[in-house]
Amino acid sequence: MIRLADPVATEAIGASLAGVVAPGDVVTLEGPLGAGKTSIARGLLRALGLSGEAPSPSFAIVQPYAPPEVRLPVLHVDLYRIDDPAEMEELGLDEALYDSVLLIEWPERAGPDAWLNALRLALAIEPDGARRLTWEAPAAWERRWRPT
């Protein structure tokens, strides 16, 4: 568990991911509205070279980023508006895994068997407004994911 005192600390977690992600990786972001999921995504994208804004993909569902805008392809996905896991097939995310990093907000909307090898990050809001970050790192992530 890591305590994130403010949005800067939350974005820094995303930036730390930028040094370890590779095409084919999936990072899921769980937590209530306003917990900082998009802040982690913005930190990762900025550290990968994005100079412009990284909007929340809430309405688009999938926001792609590709070189030269970023160092490697990333799909920032927000599944909040997905009501049925069967809708996932239309998004084409499985094909994207061949050459992109998938950053998935609201992964539980895809069903319990989606992305079993993902690095699973969970954010909670503390009573004082800070964030609490916990995670599940499968074997493929154990040596790479070492948050500080």
N, C-alpha and C. Protein backbone atom coordinates (compact mmCIF):
# COMPACT_ATOMS: atom_id res chain seq x y z
N MET A 1 0.84 -1.17 0.00
CA MET A 1 0.00 0.00 0.00
C MET A 1 0.89 1.24 0.00
N ILE A 2 0.47 2.22 -0.79
CA ILE A 2 1.16 3.50 -0.84
C ILE A 2 0.12 4.59 -0.61
N ARG A 3 0.47 5.55 0.20
CA ARG A 3 -0.38 6.71 0.43
C ARG A 3 0.05 7.81 -0.53
N LEU A 4 -0.89 8.32 -1.30
CA LEU A 4 -0.63 9.38 -2.27
C LEU A 4 -1.26 10.66 -1.72
N ALA A 5 -0.44 11.60 -1.31
CA ALA A 5 -0.92 12.79 -0.61
C ALA A 5 -1.70 13.75 -1.49
N ASP A 6 -1.38 13.78 -2.80
CA ASP A 6 -2.01 14.79 -3.65
C ASP A 6 -1.97 14.33 -5.11
N PRO A 7 -2.59 15.11 -6.02
CA PRO A 7 -2.59 14.71 -7.43
C PRO A 7 -1.19 14.59 -8.04
N VAL A 8 -0.25 15.37 -7.57
CA VAL A 8 1.13 15.27 -8.08
C VAL A 8 1.70 13.88 -7.77
N ALA A 9 1.47 13.40 -6.57
CA ALA A 9 1.96 12.06 -6.19
C ALA A 9 1.24 10.98 -7.00
N THR A 10 -0.03 11.19 -7.29
CA THR A 10 -0.79 10.23 -8.08
C THR A 10 -0.26 10.17 -9.51
N GLU A 11 -0.01 11.32 -10.11
CA GLU A 11 0.56 11.35 -11.46
C GLU A 11 1.96 10.73 -11.48
N ALA A 12 2.71 10.89 -10.40
CA ALA A 12 4.06 10.32 -10.33
C ALA A 12 4.03 8.80 -10.40
N ILE A 13 2.99 8.18 -9.87
CA ILE A 13 2.85 6.72 -10.00
C ILE A 13 2.73 6.35 -11.47
N GLY A 14 1.91 7.09 -12.20
CA GLY A 14 1.80 6.85 -13.64
C GLY A 14 3.12 7.04 -14.35
N ALA A 15 3.84 8.09 -13.98
CA ALA A 15 5.15 8.34 -14.60
C ALA A 15 6.11 7.19 -14.33
N SER A 16 6.05 6.60 -13.14
CA SER A 16 6.94 5.48 -12.83
C SER A 16 6.61 4.26 -13.69
N LEU A 17 5.35 4.12 -14.08
CA LEU A 17 4.97 3.02 -14.96
C LEU A 17 5.57 3.15 -16.35
N ALA A 18 5.77 4.39 -16.79
CA ALA A 18 6.26 4.64 -18.15
C ALA A 18 7.61 3.97 -18.41
N GLY A 19 8.41 3.82 -17.39
CA GLY A 19 9.71 3.20 -17.55
C GLY A 19 9.69 1.69 -17.63
N VAL A 20 8.53 1.07 -17.36
CA VAL A 20 8.48 -0.39 -17.32
C VAL A 20 7.44 -1.01 -18.25
N VAL A 21 6.55 -0.21 -18.83
CA VAL A 21 5.54 -0.80 -19.70
C VAL A 21 6.10 -1.09 -21.09
N ALA A 22 5.48 -2.05 -21.74
CA ALA A 22 5.87 -2.45 -23.09
C ALA A 22 4.61 -2.87 -23.84
N PRO A 23 4.66 -2.84 -25.18
CA PRO A 23 3.51 -3.32 -25.93
C PRO A 23 3.09 -4.71 -25.46
N GLY A 24 1.78 -4.90 -25.33
CA GLY A 24 1.23 -6.15 -24.83
C GLY A 24 0.86 -6.10 -23.36
N ASP A 25 1.32 -5.07 -22.66
CA ASP A 25 0.99 -4.92 -21.24
C ASP A 25 -0.40 -4.34 -21.04
N VAL A 26 -1.03 -4.76 -19.96
CA VAL A 26 -2.31 -4.21 -19.55
C VAL A 26 -2.17 -3.74 -18.11
N VAL A 27 -2.58 -2.51 -17.87
CA VAL A 27 -2.64 -1.95 -16.52
C VAL A 27 -4.09 -1.56 -16.29
N THR A 28 -4.69 -2.13 -15.25
CA THR A 28 -6.07 -1.77 -14.93
C THR A 28 -6.07 -0.81 -13.75
N LEU A 29 -7.05 0.09 -13.78
CA LEU A 29 -7.18 1.13 -12.75
C LEU A 29 -8.59 1.06 -12.18
N GLU A 30 -8.67 0.71 -10.90
CA GLU A 30 -9.96 0.58 -10.23
C GLU A 30 -10.07 1.64 -9.15
N GLY A 31 -11.31 2.02 -8.85
CA GLY A 31 -11.57 2.97 -7.78
C GLY A 31 -12.79 3.79 -8.10
N PRO A 32 -13.32 4.48 -7.11
CA PRO A 32 -14.53 5.28 -7.32
C PRO A 32 -14.24 6.51 -8.18
N LEU A 33 -15.31 7.15 -8.62
CA LEU A 33 -15.18 8.41 -9.36
C LEU A 33 -14.33 9.38 -8.55
N GLY A 34 -13.39 10.03 -9.22
CA GLY A 34 -12.57 11.04 -8.56
C GLY A 34 -11.41 10.51 -7.74
N ALA A 35 -11.14 9.20 -7.83
CA ALA A 35 -10.08 8.61 -7.02
C ALA A 35 -8.68 8.86 -7.58
N GLY A 36 -8.58 9.18 -8.87
CA GLY A 36 -7.26 9.44 -9.44
C GLY A 36 -6.86 8.51 -10.57
N LYS A 37 -7.78 7.73 -11.08
CA LYS A 37 -7.45 6.80 -12.17
C LYS A 37 -6.91 7.56 -13.39
N THR A 38 -7.60 8.60 -13.78
CA THR A 38 -7.16 9.37 -14.94
C THR A 38 -5.86 10.11 -14.64
N SER A 39 -5.63 10.49 -13.40
CA SER A 39 -4.36 11.14 -13.04
C SER A 39 -3.18 10.19 -13.25
N ILE A 40 -3.35 8.94 -12.90
CA ILE A 40 -2.30 7.95 -13.15
C ILE A 40 -2.06 7.83 -14.65
N ALA A 41 -3.14 7.76 -15.42
CA ALA A 41 -3.01 7.67 -16.88
C ALA A 41 -2.28 8.89 -17.44
N ARG A 42 -2.63 10.07 -16.96
CA ARG A 42 -1.97 11.29 -17.45
C ARG A 42 -0.49 11.29 -17.11
N GLY A 43 -0.14 10.82 -15.93
CA GLY A 43 1.27 10.75 -15.56
C GLY A 43 2.05 9.81 -16.46
N LEU A 44 1.46 8.67 -16.78
CA LEU A 44 2.12 7.71 -17.67
C LEU A 44 2.27 8.32 -19.06
N LEU A 45 1.22 8.90 -19.59
CA LEU A 45 1.27 9.48 -20.94
C LEU A 45 2.26 10.63 -21.02
N ARG A 46 2.29 11.47 -20.02
CA ARG A 46 3.24 12.59 -20.01
C ARG A 46 4.67 12.06 -20.00
N ALA A 47 4.92 11.03 -19.18
CA ALA A 47 6.27 10.46 -19.10
C ALA A 47 6.66 9.74 -20.40
N LEU A 48 5.67 9.32 -21.18
CA LEU A 48 5.95 8.70 -22.48
C LEU A 48 6.11 9.73 -23.59
N GLY A 49 6.00 11.02 -23.22
CA GLY A 49 6.27 12.07 -24.18
C GLY A 49 5.09 12.93 -24.60
N LEU A 50 3.90 12.66 -24.10
CA LEU A 50 2.74 13.46 -24.50
C LEU A 50 2.90 14.89 -23.99
N SER A 51 2.86 15.84 -24.90
CA SER A 51 3.02 17.24 -24.49
C SER A 51 1.68 17.94 -24.35
N GLY A 52 0.67 17.44 -25.00
CA GLY A 52 -0.66 18.05 -24.92
C GLY A 52 -1.46 17.47 -23.77
N GLU A 53 -2.74 17.78 -23.80
CA GLU A 53 -3.63 17.30 -22.75
C GLU A 53 -4.02 15.84 -23.02
N ALA A 54 -4.26 15.11 -21.95
CA ALA A 54 -4.75 13.74 -22.03
C ALA A 54 -6.16 13.73 -21.43
N PRO A 55 -7.17 13.91 -22.29
CA PRO A 55 -8.53 13.96 -21.77
C PRO A 55 -8.99 12.59 -21.27
N SER A 56 -9.94 12.59 -20.36
CA SER A 56 -10.54 11.34 -19.93
C SER A 56 -11.32 10.75 -21.10
N PRO A 57 -11.17 9.46 -21.36
CA PRO A 57 -11.88 8.86 -22.49
C PRO A 57 -13.30 8.42 -22.13
N SER A 58 -13.92 9.05 -21.15
CA SER A 58 -15.24 8.63 -20.69
C SER A 58 -16.26 8.54 -21.82
N PHE A 59 -16.28 9.50 -22.72
CA PHE A 59 -17.27 9.50 -23.78
C PHE A 59 -16.79 8.75 -25.02
N ALA A 60 -15.52 8.86 -25.35
CA ALA A 60 -14.97 8.16 -26.52
C ALA A 60 -14.79 6.67 -26.23
N ILE A 61 -14.66 6.29 -24.99
CA ILE A 61 -14.37 4.96 -24.47
C ILE A 61 -12.91 4.59 -24.71
N VAL A 62 -12.40 4.74 -25.93
CA VAL A 62 -11.00 4.42 -26.23
C VAL A 62 -10.34 5.67 -26.79
N GLN A 63 -9.25 6.09 -26.14
CA GLN A 63 -8.45 7.23 -26.61
C GLN A 63 -7.08 6.70 -26.99
N PRO A 64 -6.76 6.65 -28.30
CA PRO A 64 -5.46 6.13 -28.71
C PRO A 64 -4.37 7.22 -28.71
N TYR A 65 -3.16 6.80 -28.40
CA TYR A 65 -1.97 7.64 -28.48
C TYR A 65 -0.92 6.83 -29.22
N ALA A 66 -0.25 7.45 -30.17
CA ALA A 66 0.72 6.71 -30.98
C ALA A 66 1.95 7.58 -31.24
N PRO A 67 3.10 6.95 -31.52
CA PRO A 67 4.29 7.71 -31.90
C PRO A 67 3.98 8.56 -33.12
N PRO A 68 4.54 9.73 -33.23
CA PRO A 68 5.57 10.33 -32.39
C PRO A 68 5.01 11.08 -31.17
N GLU A 69 3.69 11.08 -31.02
CA GLU A 69 3.07 11.77 -29.88
C GLU A 69 3.56 11.21 -28.55
N VAL A 70 3.74 9.90 -28.49
CA VAL A 70 4.27 9.19 -27.32
C VAL A 70 5.31 8.18 -27.80
N ARG A 71 6.14 7.71 -26.89
CA ARG A 71 7.23 6.80 -27.24
C ARG A 71 6.75 5.45 -27.75
N LEU A 72 5.61 4.96 -27.26
CA LEU A 72 5.04 3.70 -27.71
C LEU A 72 3.52 3.80 -27.70
N PRO A 73 2.83 3.00 -28.51
CA PRO A 73 1.38 3.11 -28.60
C PRO A 73 0.69 2.76 -27.28
N VAL A 74 -0.30 3.57 -26.92
CA VAL A 74 -1.08 3.37 -25.70
C VAL A 74 -2.55 3.58 -26.06
N LEU A 75 -3.40 2.68 -25.56
CA LEU A 75 -4.84 2.89 -25.63
C LEU A 75 -5.32 3.15 -24.21
N HIS A 76 -5.83 4.35 -23.98
CA HIS A 76 -6.42 4.69 -22.68
C HIS A 76 -7.91 4.41 -22.82
N VAL A 77 -8.40 3.47 -22.03
CA VAL A 77 -9.76 2.96 -22.18
C VAL A 77 -10.54 3.22 -20.89
N ASP A 78 -11.75 3.74 -21.04
CA ASP A 78 -12.63 3.98 -19.90
C ASP A 78 -13.91 3.19 -20.15
N LEU A 79 -14.12 2.14 -19.38
CA LEU A 79 -15.25 1.24 -19.59
C LEU A 79 -16.48 1.62 -18.76
N TYR A 80 -16.49 2.80 -18.18
CA TYR A 80 -17.59 3.21 -17.30
C TYR A 80 -18.95 3.07 -17.98
N ARG A 81 -19.03 3.35 -19.26
CA ARG A 81 -20.32 3.32 -19.97
C ARG A 81 -20.65 1.94 -20.56
N ILE A 82 -19.80 0.95 -20.35
CA ILE A 82 -20.07 -0.40 -20.83
C ILE A 82 -21.00 -1.08 -19.83
N ASP A 83 -22.14 -1.55 -20.33
CA ASP A 83 -23.12 -2.19 -19.45
C ASP A 83 -23.05 -3.71 -19.47
N ASP A 84 -22.50 -4.27 -20.55
CA ASP A 84 -22.49 -5.71 -20.71
C ASP A 84 -21.12 -6.12 -21.25
N PRO A 85 -20.46 -7.09 -20.61
CA PRO A 85 -19.15 -7.53 -21.10
C PRO A 85 -19.16 -7.93 -22.57
N ALA A 86 -20.31 -8.32 -23.11
CA ALA A 86 -20.38 -8.70 -24.53
C ALA A 86 -20.05 -7.52 -25.44
N GLU A 87 -20.21 -6.30 -24.96
CA GLU A 87 -19.89 -5.11 -25.74
C GLU A 87 -18.38 -4.95 -25.97
N MET A 88 -17.58 -5.63 -25.20
CA MET A 88 -16.13 -5.49 -25.27
C MET A 88 -15.56 -5.89 -26.63
N GLU A 89 -16.14 -6.89 -27.25
CA GLU A 89 -15.62 -7.38 -28.52
C GLU A 89 -15.59 -6.28 -29.58
N GLU A 90 -16.55 -5.39 -29.55
CA GLU A 90 -16.63 -4.30 -30.53
C GLU A 90 -15.47 -3.31 -30.41
N LEU A 91 -14.82 -3.27 -29.26
CA LEU A 91 -13.75 -2.30 -29.03
C LEU A 91 -12.43 -2.72 -29.66
N GLY A 92 -12.25 -4.00 -29.96
CA GLY A 92 -11.03 -4.47 -30.62
C GLY A 92 -9.78 -4.41 -29.74
N LEU A 93 -9.96 -4.51 -28.45
CA LEU A 93 -8.80 -4.38 -27.55
C LEU A 93 -7.85 -5.57 -27.61
N ASP A 94 -8.38 -6.76 -27.88
CA ASP A 94 -7.50 -7.93 -27.97
C ASP A 94 -6.49 -7.77 -29.10
N GLU A 95 -6.91 -7.22 -30.23
CA GLU A 95 -6.01 -7.01 -31.35
C GLU A 95 -4.96 -5.94 -31.00
N ALA A 96 -5.36 -4.96 -30.24
CA ALA A 96 -4.45 -3.87 -29.87
C ALA A 96 -3.30 -4.34 -29.00
N LEU A 97 -3.48 -5.45 -28.32
CA LEU A 97 -2.42 -5.96 -27.44
C LEU A 97 -1.15 -6.35 -28.19
N TYR A 98 -1.23 -6.56 -29.49
CA TYR A 98 -0.04 -6.93 -30.25
C TYR A 98 0.99 -5.81 -30.31
N ASP A 99 0.52 -4.56 -30.26
CA ASP A 99 1.48 -3.47 -30.40
C ASP A 99 1.27 -2.30 -29.46
N SER A 100 0.35 -2.42 -28.52
CA SER A 100 0.03 -1.29 -27.65
C SER A 100 0.01 -1.68 -26.18
N VAL A 101 0.14 -0.67 -25.35
CA VAL A 101 -0.12 -0.81 -23.92
C VAL A 101 -1.59 -0.46 -23.73
N LEU A 102 -2.31 -1.26 -22.96
CA LEU A 102 -3.70 -0.95 -22.63
C LEU A 102 -3.76 -0.44 -21.20
N LEU A 103 -4.34 0.71 -21.04
CA LEU A 103 -4.55 1.33 -19.74
C LEU A 103 -6.06 1.39 -19.55
N ILE A 104 -6.60 0.56 -18.66
CA ILE A 104 -8.04 0.33 -18.58
C ILE A 104 -8.62 0.85 -17.27
N GLU A 105 -9.51 1.85 -17.38
CA GLU A 105 -10.27 2.31 -16.22
C GLU A 105 -11.59 1.55 -16.17
N TRP A 106 -12.08 1.25 -14.99
CA TRP A 106 -13.31 0.50 -14.76
C TRP A 106 -13.24 -0.90 -15.37
N PRO A 107 -12.15 -1.65 -15.13
CA PRO A 107 -11.99 -2.97 -15.76
C PRO A 107 -13.05 -3.98 -15.35
N GLU A 108 -13.66 -3.79 -14.20
CA GLU A 108 -14.67 -4.74 -13.73
C GLU A 108 -15.87 -4.81 -14.69
N ARG A 109 -16.06 -3.79 -15.51
CA ARG A 109 -17.17 -3.78 -16.48
C ARG A 109 -16.95 -4.80 -17.60
N ALA A 110 -15.72 -5.27 -17.76
CA ALA A 110 -15.40 -6.25 -18.81
C ALA A 110 -15.64 -7.68 -18.35
N GLY A 111 -15.96 -7.88 -17.09
CA GLY A 111 -16.18 -9.22 -16.56
C GLY A 111 -14.97 -9.72 -15.78
N PRO A 112 -15.17 -10.74 -14.96
CA PRO A 112 -14.11 -11.21 -14.05
C PRO A 112 -12.93 -11.89 -14.72
N ASP A 113 -13.09 -12.33 -15.95
CA ASP A 113 -12.01 -13.06 -16.61
C ASP A 113 -11.19 -12.21 -17.58
N ALA A 114 -11.45 -10.92 -17.61
CA ALA A 114 -10.72 -10.04 -18.53
C ALA A 114 -9.35 -9.69 -17.95
N TRP A 115 -8.35 -9.76 -18.79
CA TRP A 115 -6.99 -9.31 -18.47
C TRP A 115 -6.44 -9.93 -17.18
N LEU A 116 -6.39 -11.23 -17.15
CA LEU A 116 -5.91 -11.93 -15.95
C LEU A 116 -4.43 -11.67 -15.68
N ASN A 117 -3.66 -11.28 -16.69
CA ASN A 117 -2.24 -11.00 -16.49
C ASN A 117 -1.92 -9.52 -16.35
N ALA A 118 -2.94 -8.73 -16.06
CA ALA A 118 -2.76 -7.28 -15.93
C ALA A 118 -2.15 -6.92 -14.57
N LEU A 119 -1.44 -5.81 -14.57
CA LEU A 119 -1.08 -5.16 -13.32
C LEU A 119 -2.34 -4.43 -12.87
N ARG A 120 -2.86 -4.80 -11.72
CA ARG A 120 -4.13 -4.25 -11.23
C ARG A 120 -3.86 -3.23 -10.13
N LEU A 121 -4.14 -1.97 -10.45
CA LEU A 121 -3.97 -0.90 -9.48
C LEU A 121 -5.35 -0.50 -8.96
N ALA A 122 -5.47 -0.30 -7.66
CA ALA A 122 -6.74 0.10 -7.05
C ALA A 122 -6.50 1.33 -6.19
N LEU A 123 -7.33 2.33 -6.39
CA LEU A 123 -7.26 3.59 -5.64
C LEU A 123 -8.47 3.71 -4.73
N ALA A 124 -8.25 4.21 -3.55
CA ALA A 124 -9.33 4.51 -2.61
C ALA A 124 -9.09 5.92 -2.07
N ILE A 125 -10.17 6.59 -1.75
CA ILE A 125 -10.08 7.95 -1.20
C ILE A 125 -10.10 7.86 0.31
N GLU A 126 -9.08 8.43 0.94
CA GLU A 126 -8.97 8.44 2.40
C GLU A 126 -9.82 9.58 2.97
N PRO A 127 -10.19 9.51 4.24
CA PRO A 127 -11.01 10.57 4.84
C PRO A 127 -10.40 11.97 4.74
N ASP A 128 -9.06 12.06 4.72
CA ASP A 128 -8.41 13.37 4.64
C ASP A 128 -8.21 13.84 3.20
N GLY A 129 -8.70 13.07 2.22
CA GLY A 129 -8.58 13.45 0.82
C GLY A 129 -7.40 12.83 0.10
N ALA A 130 -6.47 12.23 0.83
CA ALA A 130 -5.35 11.53 0.19
C ALA A 130 -5.89 10.28 -0.49
N ARG A 131 -5.04 9.65 -1.30
CA ARG A 131 -5.42 8.41 -1.97
C ARG A 131 -4.58 7.26 -1.43
N ARG A 132 -5.19 6.09 -1.38
CA ARG A 132 -4.50 4.87 -0.99
C ARG A 132 -4.41 3.99 -2.22
N LEU A 133 -3.20 3.62 -2.61
CA LEU A 133 -2.97 2.77 -3.77
C LEU A 133 -2.58 1.38 -3.31
N THR A 134 -3.31 0.39 -3.80
CA THR A 134 -2.95 -1.01 -3.59
C THR A 134 -2.86 -1.65 -4.97
N TRP A 135 -2.28 -2.84 -5.05
CA TRP A 135 -2.10 -3.47 -6.35
C TRP A 135 -1.98 -4.97 -6.22
N GLU A 136 -2.23 -5.60 -7.37
CA GLU A 136 -1.97 -7.03 -7.57
C GLU A 136 -1.05 -7.11 -8.78
N ALA A 137 0.11 -7.71 -8.58
CA ALA A 137 1.08 -7.83 -9.67
C ALA A 137 1.28 -9.31 -10.00
N PRO A 138 0.82 -9.75 -11.17
CA PRO A 138 1.06 -11.14 -11.56
C PRO A 138 2.55 -11.37 -11.81
N ALA A 139 2.90 -12.61 -12.04
CA ALA A 139 4.31 -12.98 -12.20
C ALA A 139 5.04 -12.12 -13.24
N ALA A 140 4.38 -11.81 -14.34
CA ALA A 140 5.02 -11.02 -15.39
C ALA A 140 5.40 -9.61 -14.93
N TRP A 141 4.80 -9.15 -13.85
CA TRP A 141 5.04 -7.80 -13.35
C TRP A 141 5.91 -7.76 -12.09
N GLU A 142 6.11 -8.89 -11.44
CA GLU A 142 6.77 -8.88 -10.13
C GLU A 142 8.13 -8.19 -10.13
N ARG A 143 8.93 -8.41 -11.14
CA ARG A 143 10.26 -7.79 -11.19
C ARG A 143 10.22 -6.36 -11.69
N ARG A 144 9.19 -6.02 -12.46
CA ARG A 144 9.12 -4.67 -13.04
C ARG A 144 8.44 -3.67 -12.14
N TRP A 145 7.39 -4.07 -11.45
CA TRP A 145 6.58 -3.12 -10.67
C TRP A 145 7.10 -3.04 -9.24
N ARG A 146 7.80 -1.98 -8.95
CA ARG A 146 8.35 -1.75 -7.62
C ARG A 146 8.04 -0.30 -7.23
N PRO A 147 6.79 -0.02 -6.85
CA PRO A 147 6.44 1.36 -6.53
C PRO A 147 7.18 1.85 -5.28
N THR A 148 7.42 3.14 -5.26
CA THR A 148 8.12 3.71 -4.10
C THR A 148 7.23 4.69 -3.37
